[in-house]
Amino acid sequence: MTTSGPDAPAAAPKPAWRTFRDLPDLLRLLGVRLLSQYAEGLFQAALGTAIVFNPQRNASPAAIATGLAVLLLPYSAIGPFAGALLDRWDRRRVFIVANLVRALLIVTCAAVLASGAGETAIFIVALAVGGAGRFVASGLSAALPHVVDRPQLVAMNSVTTTLGAGATALGASTAVGLRALFGSDDAGSGGVLACAALVTVLGAILSTRFPRGVLGPDHDIPAAERSPTALRDVAAGLAHGARAAWRAPSVTAALSGIGAHRVVFGFNTLMLLLLTRHRFADGTLGLAGFGSVAGATAVGMFVAAVLTPFSVARWGRRNTVVGALIAACLTQVAVLSLNFVVLVLAAAVLGLAGQVVKLSGDAAMQLDVPDERRGQVFAFQDALFNVTFVGAVAVAAAVVPLDGASRPLAAAGAVLYAVAVVVVVLLYRRTGTAEAARASN
């Protein structure tokens, strides 16, 4: 197992390709991440297009908001419990079991969708799929410090997280292509979901290649103590994660920045779905238009993977986060134009800025949070920010017109970014635990 604690010996940074070559467990973990997030992109795009761009169904703002809530609420409802269990169970075993359960649920969702069932039945099964996926997603971030040396952690976090986001975008693009092949109706979307299930099974198979215990957690809990305390620990997972995050100023500040970005992202997502569906083109071309915006966002996230390690090394995490939020605030002002070309360009910059803040936050949680709480803090992040995203979409659905053209909503996003800049600066000045305070910058 790779030593990643504060007392780990210093080592000269290695190029990314050499790090992957020398650490096969890191390469396997990246493979599990890519397969998991590729399947996630397939699943979300297949379900989303079935609800939003399916000519058989009506895509009102309320229907879109409900669909997005179903896809993301498992981050909030399951995340804290996943985090608590990930800090108790062998994460290798969690990857295997969760992926297999997830594949079975995706097949069930495909059958329900292909049968022409109503949205309620589809959403119930989709919630279960997302819940199983939470165990894999939270575990991937919590396990990374176990397979890479501490000096390479920030760079490897940038590489793996951004490649994972790219895999999600690729999965979504693949879903659009498969939808054209299988058909744009419910049966076609069900076929795309079946492909996502197959990819998920491949992730479970790859997870079996890890040696037992290599992914953590480090601490051992006697078997006699697990049953009486597991339920209590699961129920308290969210509170434990929140307290651990608060003790590290770098974590609290970064989470605040990501939270603001998630709210604005919620506003923009609903606006863009409606704009591309009703204002810029008809339903078929509208899907291509939304794909262009999503692709621009993915490009920005890839650029962030390159810039973030250099920015953190030169200016520190605090200045990197603040600079990214300022750039996001200025870019959000451009969204007021509601011009399609400007929106595509703005999506690239906002994708870059949001991913820079996200990568800085991930690094803070991996470096400044002890291993026995790391899974809970990542789960707390999932819960908090997907609640804010779903809440933002719900608010937007209540005020946005049917065609999505809402300049006041876009302006509110710019204001939120500006407030986030002030909040992050103030939080970085707060004193946490001695170890966390030394690591904050």
Protein backbone atom coordinates (compact mmCIF):
# COMPACT_ATOMS: atom_id res chain seq x y z
CA MET A 1 0.00 0.00 0.00
CA THR A 2 1.31 3.45 -0.83
CA THR A 3 2.20 5.59 2.17
CA SER A 4 0.26 8.83 2.05
CA GLY A 5 0.19 10.20 5.60
CA PRO A 6 1.84 13.38 6.87
CA ASP A 7 5.01 11.46 7.81
CA ALA A 8 5.47 9.95 4.35
CA PRO A 9 8.96 10.56 2.93
CA ALA A 10 9.25 13.31 0.34
CA ALA A 11 9.76 12.29 -3.25
CA ALA A 12 10.51 14.17 -6.43
CA PRO A 13 7.42 14.64 -8.62
CA LYS A 14 7.17 12.26 -11.56
CA PRO A 15 5.56 12.80 -14.96
CA ALA A 16 1.97 11.56 -14.99
CA TRP A 17 2.64 8.74 -17.49
CA ARG A 18 5.55 7.46 -15.39
CA THR A 19 3.45 7.54 -12.24
CA PHE A 20 0.80 5.37 -13.87
CA ARG A 21 3.48 2.99 -15.18
CA ASP A 22 5.10 2.57 -11.76
CA LEU A 23 1.85 2.28 -9.78
CA PRO A 24 -0.39 -0.41 -11.32
CA ASP A 25 -3.05 0.02 -8.62
CA LEU A 26 -3.37 3.68 -9.63
CA LEU A 27 -3.87 2.60 -13.23
CA ARG A 28 -6.55 0.10 -12.17
CA LEU A 29 -8.30 2.76 -10.07
CA LEU A 30 -8.30 5.08 -13.07
CA GLY A 31 -9.80 2.27 -15.16
CA VAL A 32 -12.59 1.74 -12.63
CA ARG A 33 -13.25 5.49 -12.60
CA LEU A 34 -13.38 5.76 -16.39
CA LEU A 35 -15.73 2.80 -16.75
CA SER A 36 -17.96 4.03 -13.91
CA GLN A 37 -18.23 7.57 -15.19
CA TYR A 38 -18.61 6.47 -18.82
CA ALA A 39 -21.57 4.33 -17.72
CA GLU A 40 -22.87 7.31 -15.71
CA GLY A 41 -22.79 9.48 -18.83
CA LEU A 42 -24.61 6.81 -20.83
CA PHE A 43 -27.24 6.39 -18.12
CA GLN A 44 -27.88 10.08 -17.47
CA ALA A 45 -27.99 11.02 -21.15
CA ALA A 46 -30.29 8.12 -22.04
CA LEU A 47 -32.67 8.96 -19.23
CA GLY A 48 -32.44 12.70 -19.80
CA THR A 49 -33.13 12.50 -23.52
CA ALA A 50 -36.00 10.10 -22.85
CA ILE A 51 -37.66 12.77 -20.69
CA VAL A 52 -36.53 16.08 -22.24
CA PHE A 53 -36.04 15.41 -25.97
CA ASN A 54 -38.43 12.51 -26.49
CA PRO A 55 -41.22 13.53 -28.88
CA GLN A 56 -43.58 11.19 -26.96
CA ARG A 57 -43.22 13.18 -23.73
CA ASN A 58 -43.77 16.82 -22.72
CA ALA A 59 -40.65 18.65 -21.50
CA SER A 60 -42.03 21.37 -19.20
CA PRO A 61 -39.68 23.15 -16.73
CA ALA A 62 -41.26 21.18 -13.87
CA ALA A 63 -40.72 17.86 -15.67
CA ILE A 64 -37.09 18.70 -16.39
CA ALA A 65 -36.53 19.78 -12.78
CA THR A 66 -38.01 16.52 -11.53
CA GLY A 67 -35.79 14.47 -13.84
CA LEU A 68 -32.65 16.30 -12.73
CA ALA A 69 -33.65 15.86 -9.09
CA VAL A 70 -34.06 12.12 -9.60
CA LEU A 71 -30.62 11.85 -11.18
CA LEU A 72 -28.89 13.80 -8.41
CA LEU A 73 -30.81 13.25 -5.18
CA PRO A 74 -29.01 9.95 -4.52
CA TYR A 75 -25.87 12.05 -4.02
CA SER A 76 -27.69 13.62 -1.08
CA ALA A 77 -29.78 10.75 0.25
CA ILE A 78 -27.21 7.95 -0.13
CA GLY A 79 -23.93 9.88 0.01
CA PRO A 80 -23.60 10.21 3.80
CA PHE A 81 -24.38 6.54 4.33
CA ALA A 82 -21.97 5.51 1.59
CA GLY A 83 -19.25 7.60 3.20
CA ALA A 84 -19.72 6.02 6.60
CA LEU A 85 -19.58 2.51 5.17
CA LEU A 86 -16.60 3.31 2.94
CA ASP A 87 -14.69 4.22 6.10
CA ARG A 88 -15.50 0.77 7.56
CA TRP A 89 -15.57 -1.71 4.64
CA ASP A 90 -12.89 -2.86 2.23
CA ARG A 91 -13.35 -0.42 -0.65
CA ARG A 92 -12.36 -3.07 -3.20
CA ARG A 93 -15.35 -5.17 -2.14
CA VAL A 94 -17.60 -2.12 -2.24
CA PHE A 95 -16.61 -1.42 -5.87
CA ILE A 96 -17.40 -5.00 -6.91
CA VAL A 97 -20.76 -5.31 -5.17
CA ALA A 98 -21.98 -1.77 -5.91
CA ASN A 99 -21.17 -2.06 -9.61
CA LEU A 100 -23.00 -5.38 -9.93
CA VAL A 101 -26.06 -4.06 -8.09
CA ARG A 102 -25.95 -0.93 -10.20
CA ALA A 103 -25.87 -2.97 -13.42
CA LEU A 104 -28.90 -4.99 -12.34
CA LEU A 105 -30.83 -1.81 -11.51
CA ILE A 106 -29.92 -0.21 -14.85
CA VAL A 107 -31.28 -3.25 -16.68
CA THR A 108 -34.48 -2.93 -14.63
CA CYS A 109 -34.71 0.78 -15.52
CA ALA A 110 -34.22 -0.08 -19.21
CA ALA A 111 -37.07 -2.60 -19.08
CA VAL A 112 -39.39 -0.12 -17.34
CA LEU A 113 -38.56 2.61 -19.84
CA ALA A 114 -38.93 0.35 -22.87
CA SER A 115 -42.34 -0.75 -21.62
CA GLY A 116 -43.62 2.81 -22.00
CA ALA A 117 -44.28 3.26 -18.29
CA GLY A 118 -44.93 6.70 -16.84
CA GLU A 119 -42.28 8.98 -15.38
CA THR A 120 -43.01 7.98 -11.76
CA ALA A 121 -41.98 4.33 -12.23
CA ILE A 122 -38.91 5.35 -14.24
CA PHE A 123 -37.81 7.87 -11.62
CA ILE A 124 -38.16 5.38 -8.75
CA VAL A 125 -35.82 2.89 -10.41
CA ALA A 126 -33.45 5.68 -11.49
CA LEU A 127 -33.17 6.80 -7.86
CA ALA A 128 -32.01 3.31 -6.92
CA VAL A 129 -29.44 3.31 -9.75
CA GLY A 130 -28.02 6.60 -8.52
CA GLY A 131 -27.86 5.31 -4.96
CA ALA A 132 -25.71 2.34 -5.97
CA GLY A 133 -23.50 4.65 -8.00
CA ARG A 134 -22.79 6.79 -4.95
CA PHE A 135 -20.79 4.02 -3.30
CA VAL A 136 -18.52 3.82 -6.32
CA ALA A 137 -18.11 7.58 -6.80
CA SER A 138 -17.34 8.37 -3.15
CA GLY A 139 -15.00 5.41 -2.89
CA LEU A 140 -12.94 6.45 -5.91
CA SER A 141 -11.93 9.77 -4.33
CA ALA A 142 -11.39 8.28 -0.87
CA ALA A 143 -9.16 5.50 -2.26
CA LEU A 144 -6.85 7.68 -4.38
CA PRO A 145 -4.41 8.59 -1.55
CA HIS A 146 -3.81 4.85 -1.05
CA VAL A 147 -2.44 4.26 -4.56
CA VAL A 148 -0.35 7.38 -5.24
CA ASP A 149 2.48 9.07 -3.33
CA ARG A 150 1.63 12.29 -1.51
CA PRO A 151 3.86 14.57 -3.70
CA GLN A 152 1.90 13.47 -6.78
CA LEU A 153 -1.55 13.62 -5.17
CA VAL A 154 -2.64 17.06 -6.41
CA ALA A 155 -1.52 16.36 -9.98
CA MET A 156 -2.98 12.85 -10.03
CA ASN A 157 -6.25 14.12 -8.58
CA SER A 158 -6.44 16.64 -11.44
CA VAL A 159 -5.66 13.97 -14.03
CA THR A 160 -8.02 11.27 -12.75
CA THR A 161 -10.93 13.59 -11.91
CA THR A 162 -10.80 15.37 -15.23
CA LEU A 163 -10.35 12.19 -17.25
CA GLY A 164 -13.38 10.86 -15.37
CA ALA A 165 -15.38 13.94 -16.29
CA GLY A 166 -14.29 13.45 -19.88
CA ALA A 167 -15.46 9.84 -19.71
CA THR A 168 -18.87 11.06 -18.52
CA ALA A 169 -19.05 13.50 -21.42
CA LEU A 170 -17.97 10.76 -23.83
CA GLY A 171 -20.63 8.46 -22.41
CA ALA A 172 -23.26 11.15 -22.93
CA SER A 173 -22.09 11.68 -26.51
CA THR A 174 -22.17 7.93 -27.10
CA ALA A 175 -25.72 7.85 -25.78
CA VAL A 176 -26.75 10.47 -28.34
CA GLY A 177 -25.22 8.39 -31.13
CA LEU A 178 -26.77 5.15 -29.87
CA ARG A 179 -30.10 6.90 -29.55
CA ALA A 180 -29.92 7.77 -33.26
CA LEU A 181 -29.14 4.10 -33.96
CA PHE A 182 -31.75 2.52 -31.65
CA GLY A 183 -34.43 5.17 -32.11
CA SER A 184 -35.60 8.29 -30.29
CA ASP A 185 -38.53 6.60 -28.56
CA ASP A 186 -38.66 4.86 -25.17
CA ALA A 187 -37.46 1.54 -26.60
CA GLY A 188 -34.40 3.21 -28.09
CA SER A 189 -33.52 4.85 -24.79
CA GLY A 190 -33.95 1.48 -23.09
CA GLY A 191 -31.38 0.02 -25.48
CA VAL A 192 -28.87 2.73 -24.53
CA LEU A 193 -29.43 1.92 -20.85
CA ALA A 194 -28.66 -1.74 -21.52
CA CYS A 195 -25.28 -0.68 -22.92
CA ALA A 196 -24.62 1.30 -19.73
CA ALA A 197 -25.31 -1.84 -17.67
CA LEU A 198 -22.70 -3.77 -19.66
CA VAL A 199 -20.05 -1.11 -19.02
CA THR A 200 -20.86 -1.20 -15.30
CA VAL A 201 -20.27 -4.96 -15.20
CA LEU A 202 -16.84 -4.38 -16.76
CA GLY A 203 -16.08 -2.00 -13.88
CA ALA A 204 -16.94 -4.71 -11.36
CA ILE A 205 -14.67 -7.19 -13.16
CA LEU A 206 -11.75 -4.74 -13.16
CA SER A 207 -12.27 -4.08 -9.42
CA THR A 208 -11.52 -7.75 -8.66
CA ARG A 209 -7.90 -7.13 -9.77
CA PHE A 210 -7.07 -5.04 -6.70
CA PRO A 211 -5.28 -6.81 -3.83
CA ARG A 212 -7.42 -7.02 -0.71
CA GLY A 213 -7.11 -4.00 1.56
CA VAL A 214 -4.98 -1.91 -0.80
CA LEU A 215 -7.67 0.78 -1.18
CA GLY A 216 -8.24 1.24 2.55
CA PRO A 217 -9.54 2.17 4.98
CA ASP A 218 -6.31 2.04 7.01
CA HIS A 219 -7.89 1.40 10.39
CA ASP A 220 -9.19 -2.03 11.36
CA ILE A 221 -12.47 -2.47 13.25
CA PRO A 222 -12.87 -5.75 15.14
CA ALA A 223 -15.65 -7.90 13.73
CA ALA A 224 -17.36 -8.05 17.11
CA GLU A 225 -17.76 -4.27 17.08
CA ARG A 226 -19.11 -3.86 13.57
CA SER A 227 -22.73 -4.92 13.94
CA PRO A 228 -23.60 -2.95 17.11
CA THR A 229 -22.03 0.28 15.86
CA ALA A 230 -22.49 0.20 12.07
CA LEU A 231 -26.02 1.59 12.01
CA ARG A 232 -25.09 4.38 14.39
CA ASP A 233 -22.01 5.25 12.31
CA VAL A 234 -24.04 5.25 9.10
CA ALA A 235 -26.66 7.55 10.60
CA ALA A 236 -23.95 9.90 11.90
CA GLY A 237 -21.92 9.90 8.68
CA LEU A 238 -23.13 13.29 7.47
CA ALA A 239 -22.42 14.98 10.82
CA HIS A 240 -18.95 13.43 11.02
CA GLY A 241 -18.15 14.63 7.51
CA ALA A 242 -19.38 18.16 8.24
CA ARG A 243 -17.29 18.40 11.43
CA ALA A 244 -14.18 17.08 9.70
CA ALA A 245 -14.65 19.59 6.86
CA TRP A 246 -15.11 22.48 9.31
CA ARG A 247 -11.86 21.66 11.12
CA ALA A 248 -9.86 22.36 7.94
CA PRO A 249 -10.20 25.95 6.67
CA SER A 250 -8.93 24.95 3.22
CA VAL A 251 -11.73 22.39 2.92
CA THR A 252 -14.48 24.69 4.19
CA ALA A 253 -13.46 27.50 1.84
CA ALA A 254 -13.21 25.25 -1.20
CA LEU A 255 -16.56 23.62 -0.44
CA SER A 256 -18.17 27.05 -0.23
CA GLY A 257 -16.81 27.95 -3.66
CA ILE A 258 -17.98 24.67 -5.17
CA GLY A 259 -21.39 25.14 -3.56
CA ALA A 260 -21.84 28.53 -5.21
CA HIS A 261 -20.78 27.08 -8.54
CA ARG A 262 -23.27 24.22 -8.20
CA VAL A 263 -26.13 26.66 -7.58
CA VAL A 264 -25.26 28.73 -10.64
CA PHE A 265 -24.73 25.54 -12.62
CA GLY A 266 -28.28 24.52 -11.67
CA PHE A 267 -29.67 27.84 -12.92
CA ASN A 268 -27.73 27.60 -16.18
CA THR A 269 -28.53 23.94 -16.80
CA LEU A 270 -32.30 24.43 -16.74
CA MET A 271 -32.07 27.61 -18.80
CA LEU A 272 -29.94 25.91 -21.45
CA LEU A 273 -32.15 22.84 -21.65
CA LEU A 274 -35.16 25.05 -22.30
CA LEU A 275 -33.33 27.43 -24.62
CA THR A 276 -32.03 24.60 -26.80
CA ARG A 277 -35.37 22.80 -26.69
CA HIS A 278 -37.71 25.71 -27.42
CA ARG A 279 -35.87 28.90 -28.41
CA PHE A 280 -32.85 28.05 -30.59
CA ALA A 281 -34.20 25.09 -32.59
CA ASP A 282 -36.69 22.26 -32.67
CA GLY A 283 -36.37 19.19 -30.44
CA THR A 284 -33.94 17.22 -32.63
CA LEU A 285 -31.56 20.10 -33.35
CA GLY A 286 -32.04 21.27 -29.78
CA LEU A 287 -30.37 18.10 -28.51
CA ALA A 288 -27.37 18.83 -30.74
CA GLY A 289 -27.29 22.39 -29.42
CA PHE A 290 -27.27 21.26 -25.82
CA GLY A 291 -24.57 18.76 -26.74
CA SER A 292 -22.44 21.62 -28.07
CA VAL A 293 -22.74 23.45 -24.76
CA ALA A 294 -21.95 20.27 -22.83
CA GLY A 295 -18.94 19.64 -25.07
CA ALA A 296 -17.62 23.15 -24.47
CA THR A 297 -17.97 22.59 -20.73
CA ALA A 298 -15.98 19.36 -21.03
CA VAL A 299 -13.21 21.17 -22.95
CA GLY A 300 -12.97 23.72 -20.15
CA MET A 301 -12.71 20.95 -17.59
CA PHE A 302 -9.87 19.31 -19.52
CA VAL A 303 -7.98 22.60 -19.60
CA ALA A 304 -8.50 22.89 -15.84
CA ALA A 305 -6.71 19.56 -15.36
CA VAL A 306 -3.60 21.08 -16.94
CA LEU A 307 -3.79 24.50 -15.30
CA THR A 308 -4.75 23.59 -11.73
CA PRO A 309 -1.52 21.86 -10.60
CA PHE A 310 0.60 24.71 -11.98
CA SER A 311 -1.66 27.36 -10.46
CA VAL A 312 -1.68 25.68 -7.05
CA ALA A 313 2.10 25.28 -7.11
CA ARG A 314 2.68 28.92 -8.09
CA TRP A 315 -0.08 30.82 -6.27
CA GLY A 316 -1.47 28.36 -3.71
CA ARG A 317 -4.91 26.80 -3.38
CA ARG A 318 -6.50 29.91 -1.86
CA ASN A 319 -5.54 32.27 -4.68
CA THR A 320 -6.37 29.62 -7.27
CA VAL A 321 -9.90 29.19 -5.92
CA VAL A 322 -10.50 32.95 -5.60
CA GLY A 323 -9.16 33.63 -9.11
CA ALA A 324 -11.39 30.94 -10.61
CA LEU A 325 -14.48 32.34 -8.90
CA ILE A 326 -13.72 35.85 -10.12
CA ALA A 327 -13.37 34.54 -13.68
CA ALA A 328 -16.66 32.68 -13.30
CA CYS A 329 -18.42 35.82 -12.05
CA LEU A 330 -17.29 37.88 -15.05
CA THR A 331 -18.19 35.08 -17.46
CA GLN A 332 -21.65 34.67 -15.97
CA VAL A 333 -22.36 38.30 -16.87
CA ALA A 334 -21.89 37.33 -20.53
CA VAL A 335 -24.69 34.76 -20.17
CA LEU A 336 -27.09 37.73 -20.00
CA SER A 337 -26.74 38.06 -23.78
CA LEU A 338 -28.66 34.75 -24.30
CA ASN A 339 -26.73 34.44 -27.58
CA PHE A 340 -26.01 30.81 -28.50
CA VAL A 341 -22.38 31.35 -29.55
CA VAL A 342 -21.68 33.39 -26.40
CA LEU A 343 -23.30 30.68 -24.30
CA VAL A 344 -21.04 28.02 -25.79
CA LEU A 345 -17.94 30.10 -25.07
CA ALA A 346 -19.19 30.93 -21.57
CA ALA A 347 -19.80 27.23 -20.91
CA ALA A 348 -16.13 26.50 -21.65
CA VAL A 349 -14.90 29.17 -19.22
CA LEU A 350 -17.40 28.21 -16.52
CA GLY A 351 -16.45 24.56 -16.95
CA LEU A 352 -12.81 25.49 -16.49
CA ALA A 353 -13.45 27.69 -13.45
CA GLY A 354 -15.77 25.23 -11.75
CA GLN A 355 -13.36 22.34 -12.27
CA VAL A 356 -10.43 24.36 -10.91
CA VAL A 357 -12.39 24.97 -7.71
CA LYS A 358 -13.49 21.32 -7.60
CA LEU A 359 -9.95 19.99 -8.03
CA SER A 360 -8.64 22.36 -5.38
CA GLY A 361 -11.38 21.17 -3.03
CA ASP A 362 -10.63 17.52 -3.72
CA ALA A 363 -6.95 18.10 -3.01
CA ALA A 364 -7.81 19.85 0.25
CA MET A 365 -9.97 16.93 1.37
CA GLN A 366 -7.33 14.37 0.40
CA LEU A 367 -4.45 16.24 2.02
CA ASP A 368 -6.03 17.90 5.06
CA VAL A 369 -8.58 15.31 6.24
CA PRO A 370 -7.54 12.11 8.08
CA ASP A 371 -8.23 8.85 6.28
CA GLU A 372 -10.79 7.61 8.79
CA ARG A 373 -12.98 10.63 7.93
CA ARG A 374 -12.08 11.14 4.29
CA GLY A 375 -14.90 9.04 2.85
CA GLN A 376 -17.43 10.85 5.03
CA VAL A 377 -16.16 14.27 3.93
CA PHE A 378 -16.43 13.32 0.25
CA ALA A 379 -19.92 11.99 0.94
CA PHE A 380 -20.78 15.24 2.75
CA GLN A 381 -19.62 17.13 -0.34
CA ASP A 382 -21.88 15.01 -2.54
CA ALA A 383 -24.87 15.54 -0.26
CA LEU A 384 -24.45 19.28 0.25
CA PHE A 385 -23.79 20.29 -3.31
CA ASN A 386 -26.38 18.13 -4.97
CA VAL A 387 -29.00 19.45 -2.55
CA THR A 388 -27.97 22.96 -3.61
CA PHE A 389 -28.07 21.96 -7.30
CA VAL A 390 -31.52 20.39 -7.02
CA GLY A 391 -32.72 23.37 -5.01
CA ALA A 392 -31.36 25.75 -7.63
CA VAL A 393 -33.11 23.85 -10.42
CA ALA A 394 -36.36 23.90 -8.44
CA VAL A 395 -36.10 27.67 -7.93
CA ALA A 396 -35.29 28.17 -11.61
CA ALA A 397 -38.25 26.01 -12.66
CA ALA A 398 -40.55 28.26 -10.65
CA VAL A 399 -39.42 31.50 -12.30
CA VAL A 400 -38.02 30.67 -15.75
CA PRO A 401 -40.28 31.09 -18.81
CA LEU A 402 -41.00 28.11 -21.04
CA ASP A 403 -38.35 29.14 -23.59
CA GLY A 404 -35.68 29.50 -20.88
CA ALA A 405 -34.87 33.16 -21.59
CA SER A 406 -34.41 34.60 -18.09
CA ARG A 407 -31.84 37.39 -17.75
CA PRO A 408 -32.68 38.00 -14.05
CA LEU A 409 -31.76 34.37 -13.31
CA ALA A 410 -28.45 34.74 -15.14
CA ALA A 411 -27.74 37.96 -13.22
CA ALA A 412 -28.49 36.21 -9.93
CA GLY A 413 -25.79 33.68 -10.82
CA ALA A 414 -23.20 36.43 -11.27
CA VAL A 415 -24.12 37.88 -7.88
CA LEU A 416 -23.73 34.47 -6.23
CA TYR A 417 -20.23 34.09 -7.66
CA ALA A 418 -19.29 37.53 -6.32
CA VAL A 419 -20.59 36.65 -2.86
CA ALA A 420 -18.65 33.37 -3.01
CA VAL A 421 -15.40 35.27 -3.59
CA VAL A 422 -15.89 37.23 -0.36
CA VAL A 423 -16.95 34.15 1.62
CA VAL A 424 -13.96 32.09 0.46
CA VAL A 425 -11.48 34.84 1.38
CA LEU A 426 -13.00 35.14 4.86
CA LEU A 427 -13.05 31.39 5.44
CA TYR A 428 -9.40 31.00 4.50
CA ARG A 429 -8.55 33.46 7.27
CA ARG A 430 -10.22 31.22 9.84
CA THR A 431 -7.96 29.13 12.08
CA GLY A 432 -8.66 25.40 12.11
CA THR A 433 -6.64 22.57 13.61
CA ALA A 434 -2.89 23.08 13.62
CA GLU A 435 -2.23 20.51 10.89
CA ALA A 436 -5.05 21.77 8.69
CA ALA A 437 -4.00 25.39 9.10
CA ARG A 438 -0.44 24.60 7.93
CA ALA A 439 -1.82 22.83 4.85
CA SER A 440 -4.45 25.40 3.87
CA ASN A 441 -2.32 27.35 1.44
